[in-house]
Amino acid sequence: MPLDLNSDLGEGFGAWSMGDDAAMLDIVTSANIACGCHAGDPSIMRRTCALAVAKGVRIGAHVGYRDLAGFGRRAIALSPAEARDEVLYQLGSLEGFARAAGDRVRYVKPHGALYHAAASDRALADAVVGAMIDFGGGLALLGPAGTALASAAAATGIPFVGEGFADRAYTCEGTLVPRGTEGAVLHAKEAVAQAVSIAVSGTVRIADGSGSVPVAATSLCVHGDTPAAVEMARRIRETLTEAGVPIESFA
């Protein structure tokens, strides 16, 4: 089965930049582009959309809490109605730049704290999906399989794409080891092995070494801010190709 490679891109702001987006766009098939709330600004959004289109990479809206200082990794109390409006606002913003570049937004992926909160909170997951419906359809939702996000998408007929992480360690519950915990971010050799495991067997080794857990993924993420992310992504793609795994976008 084909596997998509995605990365979180456009995550700078003003004079500050993160990662080598141009190089990463030579490797991945889908780009989760920051929409100005956890990172990104209008010029960066325009530039990243243009690069993605030029390189044939699909554009996704990487929507998050309005939290530039915390990079969207801090929990923020929002009502479902507020969350729906925040997601729709970000979607509309990125769509303008995607259209200017000659394409459109193809999917939505929540970022950071919103990703994890919406995966466990059905009301918040419904808010994300509700914003996608308000936007006008034609979008897929990218997130962890078997969660509230997947259920919310299924209830409304929105295509759902299960996501796995090459560069992040997993707990015995099948969730990501929290950032800041030792070993939460994998080194290149471990990430390559984990990518192959997800693609071939649909499992990952638990961080404490006690066994494996299933990870149902059609798309595999390599974070743009992971150390040596470009080289890691390149090695992952080459290794998957050698293993006979076709690499192509789901969108």
Protein backbone atom coordinates (compact mmCIF):
# COMPACT_ATOMS: atom_id res chain seq x y z
CA MET A 1 0.00 0.00 0.00
CA PRO A 2 1.34 3.49 -0.82
CA LEU A 3 2.59 5.62 2.05
CA ASP A 4 2.51 9.40 2.23
CA LEU A 5 5.38 11.34 3.81
CA ASN A 6 4.41 14.59 5.50
CA SER A 7 6.24 17.31 7.39
CA ASP A 8 5.27 20.40 9.41
CA LEU A 9 6.57 23.36 7.43
CA GLY A 10 6.37 27.16 7.25
CA GLU A 11 6.99 27.32 10.98
CA GLY A 12 8.92 30.57 11.13
CA PHE A 13 7.72 34.05 12.00
CA GLY A 14 9.14 37.35 10.81
CA ALA A 15 12.95 37.21 10.88
CA TRP A 16 12.90 33.90 12.74
CA SER A 17 12.99 30.68 10.75
CA MET A 18 12.89 26.97 11.54
CA GLY A 19 14.12 24.12 9.39
CA ASP A 20 15.00 23.91 5.70
CA ASP A 21 11.59 23.90 4.06
CA ALA A 22 12.89 24.02 0.50
CA ALA A 23 15.05 20.91 1.02
CA MET A 24 12.28 19.06 2.87
CA LEU A 25 9.85 19.76 0.02
CA ASP A 26 12.17 17.80 -2.28
CA ILE A 27 11.50 14.71 -0.15
CA VAL A 28 7.98 14.75 1.31
CA THR A 29 4.70 14.34 -0.56
CA SER A 30 2.49 16.44 1.75
CA ALA A 31 3.25 19.73 3.53
CA ASN A 32 1.46 20.69 6.74
CA ILE A 33 1.80 24.48 6.50
CA ALA A 34 1.47 26.64 9.62
CA CYS A 35 -1.42 29.08 9.34
CA GLY A 36 -0.18 32.00 11.44
CA CYS A 37 -1.38 31.00 14.91
CA HIS A 38 1.26 28.65 16.34
CA ALA A 39 3.79 29.81 13.72
CA GLY A 40 3.90 31.31 10.25
CA ASP A 41 3.08 34.75 8.92
CA PRO A 42 1.53 35.89 5.62
CA SER A 43 4.83 36.11 3.74
CA ILE A 44 5.99 32.71 4.98
CA MET A 45 2.62 31.15 4.15
CA ARG A 46 2.77 32.55 0.62
CA ARG A 47 6.37 31.43 0.11
CA THR A 48 5.81 27.93 1.47
CA CYS A 49 2.66 27.39 -0.62
CA ALA A 50 4.50 28.54 -3.75
CA LEU A 51 7.41 26.19 -3.05
CA ALA A 52 5.06 23.27 -2.40
CA VAL A 53 3.18 23.80 -5.65
CA ALA A 54 6.40 24.19 -7.63
CA LYS A 55 7.66 20.88 -6.27
CA GLY A 56 4.35 19.01 -6.67
CA VAL A 57 3.74 18.63 -2.93
CA ARG A 58 0.18 18.66 -1.58
CA ILE A 59 -0.80 21.49 0.78
CA GLY A 60 -2.40 20.85 4.16
CA ALA A 61 -3.52 23.37 6.78
CA HIS A 62 -1.58 22.88 10.01
CA VAL A 63 -4.07 24.49 12.39
CA GLY A 64 -3.27 25.15 16.04
CA TYR A 65 -4.02 27.20 19.10
CA ARG A 66 -3.33 30.94 18.84
CA ASP A 67 -0.04 30.67 20.73
CA LEU A 68 3.04 32.02 18.96
CA ALA A 69 5.04 32.29 22.18
CA GLY A 70 4.39 28.67 23.11
CA PHE A 71 4.56 27.33 19.53
CA GLY A 72 1.07 25.91 19.96
CA ARG A 73 2.27 23.32 22.45
CA ARG A 74 0.43 24.76 25.46
CA ALA A 75 -3.14 23.81 26.31
CA ILE A 76 -5.56 26.69 25.83
CA ALA A 77 -9.14 26.61 27.10
CA LEU A 78 -11.49 27.20 24.16
CA SER A 79 -15.16 26.40 23.84
CA PRO A 80 -16.02 24.12 20.89
CA ALA A 81 -17.58 27.13 19.12
CA GLU A 82 -14.40 29.18 19.58
CA ALA A 83 -12.23 26.29 18.38
CA ARG A 84 -14.41 25.87 15.29
CA ASP A 85 -14.01 29.54 14.44
CA GLU A 86 -10.25 29.46 15.02
CA VAL A 87 -9.81 26.48 12.69
CA LEU A 88 -12.03 27.99 9.98
CA TYR A 89 -10.11 31.28 10.20
CA GLN A 90 -6.79 29.51 9.69
CA LEU A 91 -8.14 27.38 6.86
CA GLY A 92 -9.37 30.42 4.99
CA SER A 93 -6.08 32.22 5.44
CA LEU A 94 -4.01 29.41 3.99
CA GLU A 95 -6.47 28.76 1.17
CA GLY A 96 -5.87 32.27 -0.15
CA PHE A 97 -2.15 31.65 -0.48
CA ALA A 98 -2.65 28.14 -1.87
CA ARG A 99 -4.90 29.54 -4.60
CA ALA A 100 -2.43 32.32 -5.35
CA ALA A 101 0.18 29.60 -5.90
CA GLY A 102 -2.12 27.70 -8.27
CA ASP A 103 -3.49 24.96 -6.01
CA ARG A 104 -5.74 24.58 -2.97
CA VAL A 105 -5.69 23.24 0.59
CA ARG A 106 -6.24 19.47 0.41
CA TYR A 107 -6.40 18.44 4.07
CA VAL A 108 -6.27 19.55 7.69
CA LYS A 109 -3.87 18.43 10.41
CA PRO A 110 -4.16 19.87 13.93
CA HIS A 111 -0.89 20.95 15.51
CA GLY A 112 0.66 20.31 18.91
CA ALA A 113 -1.63 20.73 21.89
CA LEU A 114 -4.71 20.94 19.66
CA TYR A 115 -3.73 17.66 17.97
CA HIS A 116 -3.56 15.80 21.26
CA ALA A 117 -6.60 17.49 22.82
CA ALA A 118 -8.84 16.86 19.81
CA ALA A 119 -7.69 13.24 19.66
CA SER A 120 -9.19 12.61 23.12
CA ASP A 121 -12.00 15.20 23.35
CA ARG A 122 -14.92 14.42 21.02
CA ALA A 123 -16.44 17.90 21.36
CA LEU A 124 -13.16 19.47 20.27
CA ALA A 125 -12.78 16.93 17.46
CA ASP A 126 -16.31 17.79 16.29
CA ALA A 127 -15.30 21.47 16.29
CA VAL A 128 -12.35 20.77 13.99
CA VAL A 129 -14.54 18.73 11.66
CA GLY A 130 -17.28 21.36 11.83
CA ALA A 131 -14.86 24.00 10.58
CA MET A 132 -13.93 21.73 7.69
CA ILE A 133 -17.60 21.40 6.78
CA ASP A 134 -18.07 25.17 7.05
CA PHE A 135 -15.12 25.58 4.69
CA GLY A 136 -17.04 23.77 2.00
CA GLY A 137 -15.89 20.18 1.78
CA GLY A 138 -13.25 18.51 -0.32
CA LEU A 139 -10.86 18.18 2.61
CA ALA A 140 -9.39 15.15 4.38
CA LEU A 141 -8.45 15.05 8.07
CA LEU A 142 -4.99 13.82 9.06
CA GLY A 143 -4.50 12.53 12.61
CA PRO A 144 -4.03 9.52 14.88
CA ALA A 145 -6.21 6.51 14.05
CA GLY A 146 -8.63 5.14 16.62
CA THR A 147 -9.20 8.53 18.29
CA ALA A 148 -11.98 11.10 18.64
CA LEU A 149 -10.71 12.80 15.49
CA ALA A 150 -11.21 9.63 13.47
CA SER A 151 -14.70 9.12 14.96
CA ALA A 152 -15.74 12.72 14.27
CA ALA A 153 -14.61 12.43 10.65
CA ALA A 154 -16.42 9.11 10.17
CA ALA A 155 -19.66 10.54 11.59
CA THR A 156 -19.71 13.27 8.93
CA GLY A 157 -18.28 11.38 5.95
CA ILE A 158 -15.02 13.32 5.90
CA PRO A 159 -12.10 11.19 4.68
CA PHE A 160 -9.76 10.36 7.54
CA VAL A 161 -6.07 9.54 7.10
CA GLY A 162 -4.24 7.77 9.92
CA GLU A 163 -0.86 9.25 10.80
CA GLY A 164 2.24 7.72 12.30
CA PHE A 165 5.44 9.42 13.45
CA ALA A 166 8.87 8.30 12.35
CA ASP A 167 10.81 10.55 14.72
CA ARG A 168 8.78 10.32 17.94
CA ALA A 169 8.76 7.58 20.57
CA TYR A 170 5.51 5.83 21.52
CA THR A 171 4.04 4.79 24.88
CA CYS A 172 2.36 1.47 25.64
CA GLU A 173 -1.01 3.22 25.05
CA GLY A 174 0.00 4.03 21.48
CA THR A 175 0.37 7.74 22.19
CA LEU A 176 3.49 9.85 21.76
CA VAL A 177 5.97 10.14 24.60
CA PRO A 178 5.64 13.78 25.80
CA ARG A 179 8.22 16.21 24.50
CA GLY A 180 10.80 17.02 27.14
CA THR A 181 10.94 13.39 28.24
CA GLU A 182 14.29 11.74 27.58
CA GLY A 183 14.11 9.70 24.38
CA ALA A 184 10.89 11.35 23.14
CA VAL A 185 12.56 12.44 19.89
CA LEU A 186 14.30 9.65 18.00
CA HIS A 187 17.69 9.83 16.34
CA ALA A 188 18.00 9.11 12.61
CA LYS A 189 18.81 5.39 12.84
CA GLU A 190 15.90 4.76 15.21
CA ALA A 191 13.56 6.88 13.10
CA VAL A 192 14.41 4.97 9.93
CA ALA A 193 13.77 1.64 11.67
CA GLN A 194 10.47 2.92 13.10
CA ALA A 195 9.34 4.19 9.71
CA VAL A 196 9.93 0.78 8.15
CA SER A 197 8.15 -0.94 11.04
CA ILE A 198 5.06 1.26 10.65
CA ALA A 199 5.02 0.82 6.87
CA VAL A 200 5.63 -2.93 6.80
CA SER A 201 4.07 -4.32 9.98
CA GLY A 202 1.88 -1.50 11.26
CA THR A 203 3.57 -1.56 14.65
CA VAL A 204 6.13 0.42 16.65
CA ARG A 205 8.37 -0.61 19.50
CA ILE A 206 7.36 0.90 22.85
CA ALA A 207 9.86 3.41 24.23
CA ASP A 208 10.55 1.33 27.38
CA GLY A 209 11.33 -1.73 25.27
CA SER A 210 8.50 -3.79 26.74
CA GLY A 211 6.91 -4.71 23.43
CA SER A 212 5.12 -3.20 20.45
CA VAL A 213 1.85 -1.38 19.79
CA PRO A 214 -0.15 -1.06 16.56
CA VAL A 215 0.00 2.16 14.57
CA ALA A 216 -2.40 2.32 11.62
CA ALA A 217 -0.89 4.89 9.28
CA THR A 218 -1.34 5.90 5.67
CA SER A 219 0.85 8.96 6.23
CA LEU A 220 4.16 9.20 8.05
CA CYS A 221 5.40 12.42 9.65
CA VAL A 222 8.97 13.66 9.98
CA HIS A 223 8.96 16.92 11.95
CA GLY A 224 10.70 19.81 10.24
CA ASP A 225 12.20 20.95 13.57
CA THR A 226 13.76 17.59 14.43
CA PRO A 227 17.60 17.80 14.45
CA ALA A 228 18.97 16.89 10.99
CA ALA A 229 15.37 16.53 9.78
CA VAL A 230 16.18 16.76 6.07
CA GLU A 231 18.80 14.02 6.14
CA MET A 232 16.51 11.89 8.32
CA ALA A 233 13.61 12.30 5.89
CA ARG A 234 15.85 11.50 2.93
CA ARG A 235 17.11 8.31 4.55
CA ILE A 236 13.56 7.30 5.49
CA ARG A 237 12.30 7.77 1.94
CA GLU A 238 15.25 5.90 0.42
CA THR A 239 14.90 3.01 2.88
CA LEU A 240 11.14 2.70 2.34
CA THR A 241 11.62 2.73 -1.42
CA GLU A 242 14.25 0.00 -1.13
CA ALA A 243 11.77 -2.00 0.97
CA GLY A 244 9.24 -1.81 -1.86
CA VAL A 245 6.93 0.75 -0.22
CA PRO A 246 5.49 3.19 -2.81
CA ILE A 247 5.69 6.83 -1.67
CA GLU A 248 2.84 9.08 -2.80
CA SER A 249 0.45 11.64 -1.38
CA PHE A 250 -2.97 10.57 -0.11
CA ALA A 251 -4.53 13.85 -1.29
